[in-house]
PDB file of all heavy atoms in Angstrom:
ATOM      1  N   ALA A   1       0.835  -1.197   0.000  1.00  0.00           N
ATOM      2  CA  ALA A   1       0.000   0.000   0.000  1.00  0.00           C
ATOM      3  C   ALA A   1       0.868   1.245   0.000  1.00  0.00           C
ATOM      4  O   ALA A   1       1.874   1.321   0.687  1.00  0.00           O
ATOM      5  CB  ALA A   1      -0.915  -0.008   1.226  1.00  0.00           C
ATOM      6  N   VAL A   2       0.458   2.205  -0.769  1.00  0.00           N
ATOM      7  CA  VAL A   2       1.189   3.463  -0.865  1.00  0.00           C
ATOM      8  C   VAL A   2       0.395   4.531  -0.133  1.00  0.00           C
ATOM      9  O   VAL A   2      -0.794   4.735  -0.409  1.00  0.00           O
ATOM     10  CB  VAL A   2       1.398   3.868  -2.338  1.00  0.00           C
ATOM     11  CG1 VAL A   2       2.145   5.189  -2.430  1.00  0.00           C
ATOM     12  CG2 VAL A   2       2.142   2.768  -3.073  1.00  0.00           C
ATOM     13  N   SER A   3       1.014   5.166   0.869  1.00  0.00           N
ATOM     14  CA  SER A   3       0.331   6.201   1.631  1.00  0.00           C
ATOM     15  C   SER A   3       0.495   7.534   0.919  1.00  0.00           C
ATOM     16  O   SER A   3       1.609   7.984   0.666  1.00  0.00           O
ATOM     17  CB  SER A   3       0.912   6.292   3.051  1.00  0.00           C
ATOM     18  OG  SER A   3       2.290   6.560   2.996  1.00  0.00           O
ATOM     19  N   LEU A   4      -0.621   8.125   0.582  1.00  0.00           N
ATOM     20  CA  LEU A   4      -0.599   9.408  -0.096  1.00  0.00           C
ATOM     21  C   LEU A   4      -0.880  10.516   0.903  1.00  0.00           C
ATOM     22  O   LEU A   4      -1.726  10.362   1.786  1.00  0.00           O
ATOM     23  CB  LEU A   4      -1.663   9.434  -1.206  1.00  0.00           C
ATOM     24  CG  LEU A   4      -1.482   8.390  -2.309  1.00  0.00           C
ATOM     25  CD1 LEU A   4      -2.649   8.459  -3.288  1.00  0.00           C
ATOM     26  CD2 LEU A   4      -0.164   8.616  -3.037  1.00  0.00           C
ATOM     27  N   PRO A   5      -0.200  11.629   0.826  1.00  0.00           N
ATOM     28  CA  PRO A   5      -0.474  12.733   1.756  1.00  0.00           C
ATOM     29  C   PRO A   5      -1.868  13.292   1.548  1.00  0.00           C
ATOM     30  O   PRO A   5      -2.323  13.476   0.420  1.00  0.00           O
ATOM     31  CB  PRO A   5       0.617  13.758   1.412  1.00  0.00           C
ATOM     32  CG  PRO A   5       0.994  13.432  -0.015  1.00  0.00           C
ATOM     33  CD  PRO A   5       0.836  11.942  -0.152  1.00  0.00           C
ATOM     34  N   LEU A   6      -2.565  13.514   2.663  1.00  0.00           N
ATOM     35  CA  LEU A   6      -3.903  14.065   2.576  1.00  0.00           C
ATOM     36  C   LEU A   6      -3.830  15.561   2.291  1.00  0.00           C
ATOM     37  O   LEU A   6      -2.939  16.256   2.778  1.00  0.00           O
ATOM     38  CB  LEU A   6      -4.656  13.827   3.896  1.00  0.00           C
ATOM     39  CG  LEU A   6      -4.892  12.359   4.249  1.00  0.00           C
ATOM     40  CD1 LEU A   6      -5.582  12.259   5.614  1.00  0.00           C
ATOM     41  CD2 LEU A   6      -5.737  11.676   3.197  1.00  0.00           C
ATOM     42  N   PRO A   7      -4.760  16.046   1.515  1.00  0.00           N
ATOM     43  CA  PRO A   7      -4.739  17.490   1.250  1.00  0.00           C
ATOM     44  C   PRO A   7      -5.046  18.276   2.511  1.00  0.00           C
ATOM     45  O   PRO A   7      -5.845  17.859   3.352  1.00  0.00           O
ATOM     46  CB  PRO A   7      -5.853  17.665   0.195  1.00  0.00           C
ATOM     47  CG  PRO A   7      -6.743  16.484   0.398  1.00  0.00           C
ATOM     48  CD  PRO A   7      -5.853  15.357   0.842  1.00  0.00           C
ATOM     49  N   ARG A   8      -4.397  19.390   2.662  1.00  0.00           N
ATOM     50  CA  ARG A   8      -4.636  20.243   3.823  1.00  0.00           C
ATOM     51  C   ARG A   8      -6.016  20.876   3.740  1.00  0.00           C
ATOM     52  O   ARG A   8      -6.440  21.367   2.698  1.00  0.00           O
ATOM     53  CB  ARG A   8      -3.568  21.342   3.908  1.00  0.00           C
ATOM     54  CG  ARG A   8      -2.160  20.829   4.144  1.00  0.00           C
ATOM     55  CD  ARG A   8      -1.176  21.961   4.269  1.00  0.00           C
ATOM     56  NE  ARG A   8      -1.538  22.850   5.371  1.00  0.00           N
ATOM     57  CZ  ARG A   8      -0.872  23.961   5.676  1.00  0.00           C
ATOM     58  NH1 ARG A   8       0.159  24.326   4.942  1.00  0.00           N
ATOM     59  NH2 ARG A   8      -1.255  24.697   6.692  1.00  0.00           N
ATOM     60  N   THR A   9      -6.728  20.807   4.844  1.00  0.00           N
ATOM     61  CA  THR A   9      -8.067  21.365   4.896  1.00  0.00           C
ATOM     62  C   THR A   9      -8.014  22.704   5.618  1.00  0.00           C
ATOM     63  O   THR A   9      -7.567  22.794   6.765  1.00  0.00           O
ATOM     64  CB  THR A   9      -9.034  20.420   5.626  1.00  0.00           C
ATOM     65  OG1 THR A   9      -8.517  20.150   6.939  1.00  0.00           O
ATOM     66  CG2 THR A   9      -9.175  19.109   4.860  1.00  0.00           C
ATOM     67  N   GLU A  10      -8.435  23.710   4.957  1.00  0.00           N
ATOM     68  CA  GLU A  10      -8.475  25.027   5.570  1.00  0.00           C
ATOM     69  C   GLU A  10      -9.698  25.129   6.480  1.00  0.00           C
ATOM     70  O   GLU A  10     -10.750  24.567   6.191  1.00  0.00           O
ATOM     71  CB  GLU A  10      -8.547  26.107   4.489  1.00  0.00           C
ATOM     72  CG  GLU A  10      -7.339  26.138   3.563  1.00  0.00           C
ATOM     73  CD  GLU A  10      -6.073  26.543   4.300  1.00  0.00           C
ATOM     74  OE1 GLU A  10      -6.202  27.240   5.329  1.00  0.00           O
ATOM     75  OE2 GLU A  10      -4.983  26.157   3.859  1.00  0.00           O
ATOM     76  N   PRO A  11      -9.562  25.837   7.612  1.00  0.00           N
ATOM     77  CA  PRO A  11     -10.728  25.989   8.486  1.00  0.00           C
ATOM     78  C   PRO A  11     -11.845  26.736   7.784  1.00  0.00           C
ATOM     79  O   PRO A  11     -11.617  27.623   6.964  1.00  0.00           O
ATOM     80  CB  PRO A  11     -10.164  26.799   9.667  1.00  0.00           C
ATOM     81  CG  PRO A  11      -8.936  27.461   9.130  1.00  0.00           C
ATOM     82  CD  PRO A  11      -8.372  26.527   8.119  1.00  0.00           C
ATOM     83  N   ALA A  12     -13.059  26.336   8.107  1.00  0.00           N
ATOM     84  CA  ALA A  12     -14.213  26.974   7.484  1.00  0.00           C
ATOM     85  C   ALA A  12     -14.253  28.447   7.882  1.00  0.00           C
ATOM     86  O   ALA A  12     -14.051  28.794   9.055  1.00  0.00           O
ATOM     87  CB  ALA A  12     -15.494  26.274   7.918  1.00  0.00           C
ATOM     88  N   PRO A  13     -14.489  29.338   6.927  1.00  0.00           N
ATOM     89  CA  PRO A  13     -14.530  30.763   7.267  1.00  0.00           C
ATOM     90  C   PRO A  13     -15.688  31.069   8.214  1.00  0.00           C
ATOM     91  O   PRO A  13     -16.794  30.559   8.072  1.00  0.00           O
ATOM     92  CB  PRO A  13     -14.710  31.450   5.906  1.00  0.00           C
ATOM     93  CG  PRO A  13     -15.308  30.393   5.017  1.00  0.00           C
ATOM     94  CD  PRO A  13     -14.752  29.091   5.502  1.00  0.00           C
ATOM     95  N   ARG A  14     -15.401  31.897   9.200  1.00  0.00           N
ATOM     96  CA  ARG A  14     -16.451  32.275  10.150  1.00  0.00           C
ATOM     97  C   ARG A  14     -17.258  33.437   9.588  1.00  0.00           C
ATOM     98  O   ARG A  14     -16.713  34.296   8.879  1.00  0.00           O
ATOM     99  CB  ARG A  14     -15.830  32.678  11.494  1.00  0.00           C
ATOM    100  CG  ARG A  14     -15.158  31.551  12.234  1.00  0.00           C
ATOM    101  CD  ARG A  14     -14.750  31.994  13.636  1.00  0.00           C
ATOM    102  NE  ARG A  14     -13.780  33.077  13.619  1.00  0.00           N
ATOM    103  CZ  ARG A  14     -12.465  32.911  13.667  1.00  0.00           C
ATOM    104  NH1 ARG A  14     -11.967  31.686  13.692  1.00  0.00           N
ATOM    105  NH2 ARG A  14     -11.653  33.959  13.661  1.00  0.00           N
ATOM    106  N   PRO A  15     -18.516  33.474   9.904  1.00  0.00           N
ATOM    107  CA  PRO A  15     -19.309  34.651   9.492  1.00  0.00           C
ATOM    108  C   PRO A  15     -18.852  35.885  10.249  1.00  0.00           C
ATOM    109  O   PRO A  15     -18.135  35.794  11.252  1.00  0.00           O
ATOM    110  CB  PRO A  15     -20.749  34.251   9.859  1.00  0.00           C
ATOM    111  CG  PRO A  15     -20.584  33.247  10.956  1.00  0.00           C
ATOM    112  CD  PRO A  15     -19.320  32.495  10.649  1.00  0.00           C
ATOM    113  N   ALA A  16     -19.262  37.037   9.773  1.00  0.00           N
ATOM    114  CA  ALA A  16     -18.868  38.281  10.435  1.00  0.00           C
ATOM    115  C   ALA A  16     -19.443  38.326  11.854  1.00  0.00           C
ATOM    116  O   ALA A  16     -20.561  37.869  12.112  1.00  0.00           O
ATOM    117  CB  ALA A  16     -19.356  39.474   9.619  1.00  0.00           C
ATOM    118  N   PHE A  17     -18.645  38.852  12.771  1.00  0.00           N
ATOM    119  CA  PHE A  17     -19.092  38.943  14.155  1.00  0.00           C
ATOM    120  C   PHE A  17     -20.181  40.007  14.278  1.00  0.00           C
ATOM    121  O   PHE A  17     -20.077  41.094  13.712  1.00  0.00           O
ATOM    122  CB  PHE A  17     -17.906  39.308  15.053  1.00  0.00           C
ATOM    123  CG  PHE A  17     -18.278  39.539  16.489  1.00  0.00           C
ATOM    124  CD1 PHE A  17     -18.747  38.497  17.265  1.00  0.00           C
ATOM    125  CD2 PHE A  17     -18.167  40.806  17.050  1.00  0.00           C
ATOM    126  CE1 PHE A  17     -19.101  38.707  18.590  1.00  0.00           C
ATOM    127  CE2 PHE A  17     -18.506  41.017  18.371  1.00  0.00           C
ATOM    128  CZ  PHE A  17     -18.973  39.968  19.139  1.00  0.00           C
ATOM    129  N   GLN A  18     -21.212  39.658  15.030  1.00  0.00           N
ATOM    130  CA  GLN A  18     -22.327  40.579  15.271  1.00  0.00           C
ATOM    131  C   GLN A  18     -22.182  41.179  16.671  1.00  0.00           C
ATOM    132  O   GLN A  18     -22.464  40.515  17.662  1.00  0.00           O
ATOM    133  CB  GLN A  18     -23.665  39.832  15.140  1.00  0.00           C
ATOM    134  CG  GLN A  18     -23.901  39.176  13.800  1.00  0.00           C
ATOM    135  CD  GLN A  18     -23.980  40.189  12.674  1.00  0.00           C
ATOM    136  OE1 GLN A  18     -24.510  41.302  12.854  1.00  0.00           O
ATOM    137  NE2 GLN A  18     -23.446  39.835  11.510  1.00  0.00           N
ATOM    138  N   PRO A  19     -21.723  42.423  16.769  1.00  0.00           N
ATOM    139  CA  PRO A  19     -21.449  43.002  18.083  1.00  0.00           C
ATOM    140  C   PRO A  19     -22.716  43.445  18.807  1.00  0.00           C
ATOM    141  O   PRO A  19     -23.799  43.534  18.219  1.00  0.00           O
ATOM    142  CB  PRO A  19     -20.560  44.196  17.752  1.00  0.00           C
ATOM    143  CG  PRO A  19     -20.988  44.604  16.382  1.00  0.00           C
ATOM    144  CD  PRO A  19     -21.385  43.347  15.675  1.00  0.00           C
ATOM    145  N   VAL A  20     -22.534  43.710  20.074  1.00  0.00           N
ATOM    146  CA  VAL A  20     -23.598  44.245  20.928  1.00  0.00           C
ATOM    147  C   VAL A  20     -23.094  45.565  21.507  1.00  0.00           C
ATOM    148  O   VAL A  20     -22.017  45.607  22.111  1.00  0.00           O
ATOM    149  CB  VAL A  20     -23.954  43.259  22.063  1.00  0.00           C
ATOM    150  CG1 VAL A  20     -24.974  43.874  23.010  1.00  0.00           C
ATOM    151  CG2 VAL A  20     -24.480  41.953  21.505  1.00  0.00           C
ATOM    152  N   THR A  21     -23.839  46.608  21.316  1.00  0.00           N
ATOM    153  CA  THR A  21     -23.416  47.908  21.814  1.00  0.00           C
ATOM    154  C   THR A  21     -23.266  47.871  23.330  1.00  0.00           C
ATOM    155  O   THR A  21     -24.136  47.360  24.034  1.00  0.00           O
ATOM    156  CB  THR A  21     -24.450  48.980  21.423  1.00  0.00           C
ATOM    157  OG1 THR A  21     -24.614  48.972  19.997  1.00  0.00           O
ATOM    158  CG2 THR A  21     -23.991  50.352  21.875  1.00  0.00           C
ATOM    159  N   ILE A  22     -22.161  48.409  23.799  1.00  0.00           N
ATOM    160  CA  ILE A  22     -21.859  48.360  25.226  1.00  0.00           C
ATOM    161  C   ILE A  22     -22.342  49.653  25.890  1.00  0.00           C
ATOM    162  O   ILE A  22     -21.855  50.751  25.559  1.00  0.00           O
ATOM    163  CB  ILE A  22     -20.347  48.157  25.463  1.00  0.00           C
ATOM    164  CG1 ILE A  22     -19.913  46.802  24.901  1.00  0.00           C
ATOM    165  CG2 ILE A  22     -20.017  48.230  26.952  1.00  0.00           C
ATOM    166  CD1 ILE A  22     -18.420  46.536  25.005  1.00  0.00           C
ATOM    167  N   ARG A  23     -23.281  49.494  26.790  1.00  0.00           N
ATOM    168  CA  ARG A  23     -23.772  50.625  27.580  1.00  0.00           C
ATOM    169  C   ARG A  23     -23.572  50.383  29.067  1.00  0.00           C
ATOM    170  O   ARG A  23     -23.457  51.335  29.837  1.00  0.00           O
ATOM    171  CB  ARG A  23     -25.266  50.870  27.298  1.00  0.00           C
ATOM    172  CG  ARG A  23     -25.576  51.258  25.860  1.00  0.00           C
ATOM    173  CD  ARG A  23     -27.036  51.612  25.696  1.00  0.00           C
ATOM    174  NE  ARG A  23     -27.361  51.995  24.329  1.00  0.00           N
ATOM    175  CZ  ARG A  23     -27.743  51.157  23.378  1.00  0.00           C
ATOM    176  NH1 ARG A  23     -27.818  49.848  23.639  1.00  0.00           N
ATOM    177  NH2 ARG A  23     -28.027  51.594  22.167  1.00  0.00           N
ATOM    178  N   THR A  24     -23.542  49.100  29.450  1.00  0.00           N
ATOM    179  CA  THR A  24     -23.390  48.740  30.859  1.00  0.00           C
ATOM    180  C   THR A  24     -22.321  47.671  30.995  1.00  0.00           C
ATOM    181  O   THR A  24     -21.821  47.131  29.992  1.00  0.00           O
ATOM    182  CB  THR A  24     -24.712  48.214  31.437  1.00  0.00           C
ATOM    183  OG1 THR A  24     -25.064  46.993  30.752  1.00  0.00           O
ATOM    184  CG2 THR A  24     -25.852  49.223  31.259  1.00  0.00           C
ATOM    185  N   ALA A  25     -21.987  47.358  32.246  1.00  0.00           N
ATOM    186  CA  ALA A  25     -21.012  46.295  32.509  1.00  0.00           C
ATOM    187  C   ALA A  25     -21.535  44.949  32.010  1.00  0.00           C
ATOM    188  O   ALA A  25     -20.763  44.124  31.498  1.00  0.00           O
ATOM    189  CB  ALA A  25     -20.711  46.240  34.000  1.00  0.00           C
ATOM    190  N   ARG A  26     -22.841  44.768  32.125  1.00  0.00           N
ATOM    191  CA  ARG A  26     -23.410  43.506  31.634  1.00  0.00           C
ATOM    192  C   ARG A  26     -23.261  43.401  30.125  1.00  0.00           C
ATOM    193  O   ARG A  26     -23.023  42.312  29.585  1.00  0.00           O
ATOM    194  CB  ARG A  26     -24.877  43.401  32.045  1.00  0.00           C
ATOM    195  CG  ARG A  26     -25.569  42.156  31.542  1.00  0.00           C
ATOM    196  CD  ARG A  26     -26.975  42.040  32.068  1.00  0.00           C
ATOM    197  NE  ARG A  26     -27.003  41.827  33.514  1.00  0.00           N
ATOM    198  CZ  ARG A  26     -28.127  41.694  34.214  1.00  0.00           C
ATOM    199  NH1 ARG A  26     -29.308  41.743  33.599  1.00  0.00           N
ATOM    200  NH2 ARG A  26     -28.084  41.505  35.516  1.00  0.00           N
TER     201      ARG A  26
END
């Protein structure tokens, strides 16, 4: 058996972060 190198898998792109406006400590 001949072992072939597996193709590199790039991480799935993350969607854009949806921020929350900061008005309080919470």
